[in-house]
């Protein structure tokens, strides 16, 4: 927490929102991945490349009922982890911002950190699941290396863009009485 020179009030810098934003971004990025790539487009499930993985997991062909059932269970475990990340991120945000919470939701700092978290999800998931473990790829087939690389590039762009966005955010006063947080904005960055 920093103190403004003119008012002596404690003002939350964008770094106060770092942990909640990143954890929310990881969870929301995971949900977007799971909903879009696993369910709607059906490009992959958690274990769709285990016939070519690097750790010896049994192959569960997603084109059979039993294989799809096992992949659905693992997709459900993945979504549970995403849900827990969102809950933890919301709890952390709620505990750090006690007043004028609406203003925080319009904060560039929060949304920047959420983008950083989403990008970190892509980078970790892309490196771990696609490259190191090899349990699935973004879109299997002859161009899977390009899809996997694009996923990593998107992750890096999200991290860099999110970091830049949060740096442009102005601090809020999360402990001020309702309404005073917007008026109590101060110059400065984390």
C-alpha atoms as a PDB file:
ATOM      1  CA  UNK A   1       0.000   0.000   0.000  1.00  0.00           C
ATOM      2  CA  UNK A   2       1.193   3.499  -0.822  1.00  0.00           C
ATOM      3  CA  UNK A   3       0.130   6.761   0.788  1.00  0.00           C
ATOM      4  CA  UNK A   4      -0.762   9.793  -1.279  1.00  0.00           C
ATOM      5  CA  UNK A   5       1.144  12.925  -0.319  1.00  0.00           C
ATOM      6  CA  UNK A   6      -1.838  15.263  -0.379  1.00  0.00           C
ATOM      7  CA  UNK A   7      -4.431  13.268   1.534  1.00  0.00           C
ATOM      8  CA  UNK A   8      -2.451  10.863   3.705  1.00  0.00           C
ATOM      9  CA  UNK A   9      -4.891   8.107   2.712  1.00  0.00           C
ATOM     10  CA  UNK A  10      -3.784   4.582   1.924  1.00  0.00           C
ATOM     11  CA  UNK A  11      -4.158   3.833  -1.779  1.00  0.00           C
ATOM     12  CA  UNK A  12      -4.015   0.394  -3.366  1.00  0.00           C
ATOM     13  CA  UNK A  13      -1.465   0.201  -6.129  1.00  0.00           C
ATOM     14  CA  UNK A  14      -2.119  -2.134  -9.060  1.00  0.00           C
ATOM     15  CA  UNK A  15       0.153  -4.680  -7.332  1.00  0.00           C
ATOM     16  CA  UNK A  16      -2.533  -5.225  -4.654  1.00  0.00           C
ATOM     17  CA  UNK A  17      -4.625  -6.721  -7.438  1.00  0.00           C
ATOM     18  CA  UNK A  18      -1.770  -8.876  -8.777  1.00  0.00           C
ATOM     19  CA  UNK A  19      -2.539 -12.172  -6.994  1.00  0.00           C
ATOM     20  CA  UNK A  20      -6.329 -12.037  -7.338  1.00  0.00           C
ATOM     21  CA  UNK A  21      -6.081 -10.981 -10.983  1.00  0.00           C
ATOM     22  CA  UNK A  22      -3.563 -13.650 -11.942  1.00  0.00           C
ATOM     23  CA  UNK A  23      -5.487 -16.433 -10.192  1.00  0.00           C
ATOM     24  CA  UNK A  24      -8.745 -15.261 -11.785  1.00  0.00           C
ATOM     25  CA  UNK A  25      -6.996 -15.155 -15.170  1.00  0.00           C
ATOM     26  CA  UNK A  26      -5.691 -18.701 -14.780  1.00  0.00           C
ATOM     27  CA  UNK A  27      -9.173 -19.979 -13.937  1.00  0.00           C
ATOM     28  CA  UNK A  28     -10.977 -17.988 -16.627  1.00  0.00           C
ATOM     29  CA  UNK A  29      -8.351 -18.845 -19.251  1.00  0.00           C
ATOM     30  CA  UNK A  30      -8.711 -22.512 -18.342  1.00  0.00           C
ATOM     31  CA  UNK A  31     -12.496 -22.283 -18.630  1.00  0.00           C
ATOM     32  CA  UNK A  32     -12.195 -20.656 -22.060  1.00  0.00           C
ATOM     33  CA  UNK A  33      -9.793 -23.407 -23.169  1.00  0.00           C
ATOM     34  CA  UNK A  34     -12.022 -26.172 -21.819  1.00  0.00           C
ATOM     35  CA  UNK A  35     -15.295 -24.786 -23.135  1.00  0.00           C
ATOM     36  CA  UNK A  36     -14.029 -23.693 -26.555  1.00  0.00           C
ATOM     37  CA  UNK A  37     -11.373 -26.277 -27.435  1.00  0.00           C
ATOM     38  CA  UNK A  38     -12.608 -29.319 -25.477  1.00  0.00           C
ATOM     39  CA  UNK A  39     -16.375 -28.983 -25.764  1.00  0.00           C
ATOM     40  CA  UNK A  40     -17.500 -26.682 -28.582  1.00  0.00           C
ATOM     41  CA  UNK A  41     -14.791 -27.281 -31.198  1.00  0.00           C
ATOM     42  CA  UNK A  42     -13.881 -30.728 -29.804  1.00  0.00           C
ATOM     43  CA  UNK A  43     -10.303 -30.327 -30.985  1.00  0.00           C
ATOM     44  CA  UNK A  44      -8.960 -32.187 -27.979  1.00  0.00           C
ATOM     45  CA  UNK A  45      -9.718 -33.515 -24.524  1.00  0.00           C
ATOM     46  CA  UNK A  46      -7.308 -33.946 -21.639  1.00  0.00           C
ATOM     47  CA  UNK A  47      -6.037 -37.353 -22.773  1.00  0.00           C
ATOM     48  CA  UNK A  48      -6.548 -37.368 -26.545  1.00  0.00           C
ATOM     49  CA  UNK A  49      -2.868 -37.737 -27.445  1.00  0.00           C
ATOM     50  CA  UNK A  50      -1.946 -40.383 -24.928  1.00  0.00           C
ATOM     51  CA  UNK A  51      -1.145 -42.794 -27.740  1.00  0.00           C
ATOM     52  CA  UNK A  52       1.816 -40.471 -28.436  1.00  0.00           C
ATOM     53  CA  UNK A  53       2.488 -39.086 -24.944  1.00  0.00           C
ATOM     54  CA  UNK A  54       5.837 -39.009 -23.161  1.00  0.00           C
ATOM     55  CA  UNK A  55       4.770 -40.596 -19.863  1.00  0.00           C
ATOM     56  CA  UNK A  56       3.080 -43.887 -20.759  1.00  0.00           C
ATOM     57  CA  UNK A  57      -0.577 -43.044 -20.014  1.00  0.00           C
ATOM     58  CA  UNK A  58      -3.040 -45.568 -21.431  1.00  0.00           C
ATOM     59  CA  UNK A  59      -4.669 -44.389 -24.659  1.00  0.00           C
ATOM     60  CA  UNK A  60      -8.345 -43.420 -24.421  1.00  0.00           C
ATOM     61  CA  UNK A  61      -9.640 -43.035 -27.970  1.00  0.00           C
ATOM     62  CA  UNK A  62     -12.108 -40.127 -27.871  1.00  0.00           C
ATOM     63  CA  UNK A  63     -13.992 -41.650 -30.806  1.00  0.00           C
ATOM     64  CA  UNK A  64     -15.214 -44.564 -28.679  1.00  0.00           C
ATOM     65  CA  UNK A  65     -17.787 -44.362 -25.903  1.00  0.00           C
ATOM     66  CA  UNK A  66     -15.406 -45.658 -23.230  1.00  0.00           C
ATOM     67  CA  UNK A  67     -12.595 -43.370 -24.423  1.00  0.00           C
ATOM     68  CA  UNK A  68     -14.884 -40.346 -24.487  1.00  0.00           C
ATOM     69  CA  UNK A  69     -16.131 -41.220 -20.990  1.00  0.00           C
ATOM     70  CA  UNK A  70     -12.583 -41.256 -19.602  1.00  0.00           C
ATOM     71  CA  UNK A  71     -11.667 -38.031 -21.406  1.00  0.00           C
ATOM     72  CA  UNK A  72     -14.856 -36.417 -20.077  1.00  0.00           C
ATOM     73  CA  UNK A  73     -13.887 -37.371 -16.518  1.00  0.00           C
ATOM     74  CA  UNK A  74     -10.454 -35.776 -16.977  1.00  0.00           C
ATOM     75  CA  UNK A  75     -12.016 -32.716 -18.615  1.00  0.00           C
ATOM     76  CA  UNK A  76     -14.256 -32.492 -15.537  1.00  0.00           C
ATOM     77  CA  UNK A  77     -11.230 -32.625 -13.228  1.00  0.00           C
ATOM     78  CA  UNK A  78      -9.637 -29.869 -15.325  1.00  0.00           C
ATOM     79  CA  UNK A  79     -12.808 -27.735 -15.059  1.00  0.00           C
ATOM     80  CA  UNK A  80     -12.914 -28.336 -11.305  1.00  0.00           C
ATOM     81  CA  UNK A  81      -9.388 -26.944 -10.968  1.00  0.00           C
ATOM     82  CA  UNK A  82     -10.429 -23.914 -13.074  1.00  0.00           C
ATOM     83  CA  UNK A  83     -13.516 -23.385 -10.879  1.00  0.00           C
ATOM     84  CA  UNK A  84     -11.404 -23.540  -7.714  1.00  0.00           C
ATOM     85  CA  UNK A  85      -8.962 -21.003  -9.215  1.00  0.00           C
ATOM     86  CA  UNK A  86     -11.821 -18.594  -9.933  1.00  0.00           C
ATOM     87  CA  UNK A  87     -13.188 -19.011  -6.391  1.00  0.00           C
ATOM     88  CA  UNK A  88      -9.735 -18.453  -4.852  1.00  0.00           C
ATOM     89  CA  UNK A  89      -9.183 -15.398  -7.071  1.00  0.00           C
ATOM     90  CA  UNK A  90     -12.549 -13.918  -6.090  1.00  0.00           C
ATOM     91  CA  UNK A  91     -11.883 -14.584  -2.402  1.00  0.00           C
ATOM     92  CA  UNK A  92      -8.464 -12.942  -2.622  1.00  0.00           C
ATOM     93  CA  UNK A  93      -9.967  -9.941  -4.423  1.00  0.00           C
ATOM     94  CA  UNK A  94     -12.769  -9.663  -1.864  1.00  0.00           C
ATOM     95  CA  UNK A  95     -10.307  -9.776   1.030  1.00  0.00           C
ATOM     96  CA  UNK A  96      -7.995  -7.125  -0.461  1.00  0.00           C
ATOM     97  CA  UNK A  97     -10.625  -4.652  -1.628  1.00  0.00           C
ATOM     98  CA  UNK A  98     -13.084  -3.769   1.117  1.00  0.00           C
ATOM     99  CA  UNK A  99     -14.815  -0.646  -0.286  1.00  0.00           C
ATOM    100  CA  UNK A 100     -15.894   0.651  -3.673  1.00  0.00           C
ATOM    101  CA  UNK A 101     -15.604  -2.812  -5.166  1.00  0.00           C
ATOM    102  CA  UNK A 102     -17.442  -1.795  -8.342  1.00  0.00           C
ATOM    103  CA  UNK A 103     -14.633   0.563  -9.279  1.00  0.00           C
ATOM    104  CA  UNK A 104     -12.136  -2.294  -9.073  1.00  0.00           C
ATOM    105  CA  UNK A 105     -14.024  -4.240 -11.768  1.00  0.00           C
ATOM    106  CA  UNK A 106     -13.447  -1.343 -14.181  1.00  0.00           C
ATOM    107  CA  UNK A 107      -9.781  -1.070 -13.206  1.00  0.00           C
ATOM    108  CA  UNK A 108      -7.162  -1.533 -15.892  1.00  0.00           C
ATOM    109  CA  UNK A 109      -4.915  -2.970 -13.200  1.00  0.00           C
ATOM    110  CA  UNK A 110      -7.307  -5.839 -12.423  1.00  0.00           C
ATOM    111  CA  UNK A 111      -8.023  -6.659 -16.066  1.00  0.00           C
ATOM    112  CA  UNK A 112      -4.340  -6.430 -16.908  1.00  0.00           C
ATOM    113  CA  UNK A 113      -3.498  -8.967 -14.213  1.00  0.00           C
ATOM    114  CA  UNK A 114      -6.367 -11.196 -15.408  1.00  0.00           C
ATOM    115  CA  UNK A 115      -4.825 -11.177 -18.903  1.00  0.00           C
ATOM    116  CA  UNK A 116      -1.425 -11.992 -17.383  1.00  0.00           C
ATOM    117  CA  UNK A 117      -3.007 -14.962 -15.578  1.00  0.00           C
ATOM    118  CA  UNK A 118      -4.685 -16.183 -18.757  1.00  0.00           C
ATOM    119  CA  UNK A 119      -1.380 -15.928 -20.609  1.00  0.00           C
ATOM    120  CA  UNK A 120       0.421 -17.803 -17.828  1.00  0.00           C
ATOM    121  CA  UNK A 121      -2.234 -20.523 -18.063  1.00  0.00           C
ATOM    122  CA  UNK A 122      -1.542 -20.850 -21.805  1.00  0.00           C
ATOM    123  CA  UNK A 123       2.224 -20.923 -21.315  1.00  0.00           C
ATOM    124  CA  UNK A 124       2.217 -23.475 -18.488  1.00  0.00           C
ATOM    125  CA  UNK A 125      -0.492 -25.664 -19.998  1.00  0.00           C
ATOM    126  CA  UNK A 126       1.085 -25.429 -23.450  1.00  0.00           C
ATOM    127  CA  UNK A 127       4.554 -26.337 -22.232  1.00  0.00           C
ATOM    128  CA  UNK A 128       3.478 -28.982 -19.719  1.00  0.00           C
ATOM    129  CA  UNK A 129       0.582 -30.784 -21.438  1.00  0.00           C
ATOM    130  CA  UNK A 130       1.453 -30.208 -25.100  1.00  0.00           C
ATOM    131  CA  UNK A 131       5.245 -30.374 -25.047  1.00  0.00           C
ATOM    132  CA  UNK A 132       6.604 -32.097 -21.918  1.00  0.00           C
ATOM    133  CA  UNK A 133       3.862 -34.646 -21.158  1.00  0.00           C
ATOM    134  CA  UNK A 134       2.386 -34.784 -24.657  1.00  0.00           C
ATOM    135  CA  UNK A 135      -1.049 -35.816 -23.333  1.00  0.00           C
ATOM    136  CA  UNK A 136      -2.864 -33.623 -25.846  1.00  0.00           C
ATOM    137  CA  UNK A 137      -2.296 -30.933 -28.448  1.00  0.00           C
ATOM    138  CA  UNK A 138      -4.326 -27.847 -29.335  1.00  0.00           C
ATOM    139  CA  UNK A 139      -5.479 -29.421 -32.590  1.00  0.00           C
ATOM    140  CA  UNK A 140      -4.048 -32.806 -33.507  1.00  0.00           C
ATOM    141  CA  UNK A 141      -3.037 -33.674 -37.027  1.00  0.00           C
ATOM    142  CA  UNK A 142      -0.417 -32.669 -39.552  1.00  0.00           C
ATOM    143  CA  UNK A 143      -0.209 -29.047 -38.303  1.00  0.00           C
ATOM    144  CA  UNK A 144      -0.344 -29.738 -34.567  1.00  0.00           C
ATOM    145  CA  UNK A 145       3.101 -28.214 -33.962  1.00  0.00           C
ATOM    146  CA  UNK A 146       1.872 -24.930 -35.476  1.00  0.00           C
ATOM    147  CA  UNK A 147      -1.305 -24.961 -33.367  1.00  0.00           C
ATOM    148  CA  UNK A 148       0.762 -25.665 -30.231  1.00  0.00           C
ATOM    149  CA  UNK A 149       3.210 -22.869 -31.120  1.00  0.00           C
ATOM    150  CA  UNK A 150       0.318 -20.462 -31.745  1.00  0.00           C
ATOM    151  CA  UNK A 151      -1.107 -21.321 -28.313  1.00  0.00           C
ATOM    152  CA  UNK A 152       2.255 -20.459 -26.715  1.00  0.00           C
ATOM    153  CA  UNK A 153       2.566 -17.238 -28.729  1.00  0.00           C
ATOM    154  CA  UNK A 154      -0.960 -16.236 -27.654  1.00  0.00           C
ATOM    155  CA  UNK A 155       0.066 -16.893 -24.045  1.00  0.00           C
ATOM    156  CA  UNK A 156       3.135 -14.671 -24.373  1.00  0.00           C
ATOM    157  CA  UNK A 157       1.101 -11.894 -26.040  1.00  0.00           C
ATOM    158  CA  UNK A 158      -1.485 -12.069 -23.229  1.00  0.00           C
ATOM    159  CA  UNK A 159       1.221 -11.844 -20.545  1.00  0.00           C
ATOM    160  CA  UNK A 160       2.929  -8.876 -22.215  1.00  0.00           C
ATOM    161  CA  UNK A 161      -0.316  -7.091 -23.102  1.00  0.00           C
ATOM    162  CA  UNK A 162      -1.772  -7.702 -19.649  1.00  0.00           C
ATOM    163  CA  UNK A 163       1.368  -6.431 -17.957  1.00  0.00           C
ATOM    164  CA  UNK A 164       1.274  -3.302 -20.083  1.00  0.00           C
ATOM    165  CA  UNK A 165      -2.441  -2.774 -19.384  1.00  0.00           C
ATOM    166  CA  UNK A 166      -2.036  -3.123 -15.609  1.00  0.00           C
ATOM    167  CA  UNK A 167       0.887  -0.674 -15.663  1.00  0.00           C
ATOM    168  CA  UNK A 168      -1.417   1.926 -17.230  1.00  0.00           C
ATOM    169  CA  UNK A 169      -3.979   1.491 -14.446  1.00  0.00           C
ATOM    170  CA  UNK A 170      -4.382   4.096 -11.760  1.00  0.00           C
ATOM    171  CA  UNK A 171      -4.497   3.047  -8.117  1.00  0.00           C
ATOM    172  CA  UNK A 172      -7.809   2.868  -6.285  1.00  0.00           C
ATOM    173  CA  UNK A 173      -8.490   3.399  -2.630  1.00  0.00           C
ATOM    174  CA  UNK A 174     -10.053   0.038  -1.674  1.00  0.00           C
ATOM    175  CA  UNK A 175     -10.432   0.957   2.013  1.00  0.00           C
ATOM    176  CA  UNK A 176     -12.144   4.303   1.487  1.00  0.00           C
ATOM    177  CA  UNK A 177     -15.886   4.701   2.095  1.00  0.00           C
ATOM    178  CA  UNK A 178     -18.043   3.835  -0.927  1.00  0.00           C
ATOM    179  CA  UNK A 179     -17.692   6.374  -3.711  1.00  0.00           C
ATOM    180  CA  UNK A 180     -14.442   7.849  -2.412  1.00  0.00           C
ATOM    181  CA  UNK A 181     -12.262   5.329  -4.274  1.00  0.00           C
ATOM    182  CA  UNK A 182     -12.946   6.868  -7.667  1.00  0.00           C
ATOM    183  CA  UNK A 183     -12.414  10.399  -6.404  1.00  0.00           C
ATOM    184  CA  UNK A 184      -9.347   9.307  -4.456  1.00  0.00           C
ATOM    185  CA  UNK A 185      -7.378   8.111  -7.475  1.00  0.00           C
ATOM    186  CA  UNK A 186      -3.714   8.965  -7.292  1.00  0.00           C
ATOM    187  CA  UNK A 187      -0.965   8.964  -9.858  1.00  0.00           C
ATOM    188  CA  UNK A 188       1.597   6.173  -9.781  1.00  0.00           C
ATOM    189  CA  UNK A 189       2.127   2.572 -10.705  1.00  0.00           C
ATOM    190  CA  UNK A 190       3.278  -0.654  -9.097  1.00  0.00           C
END
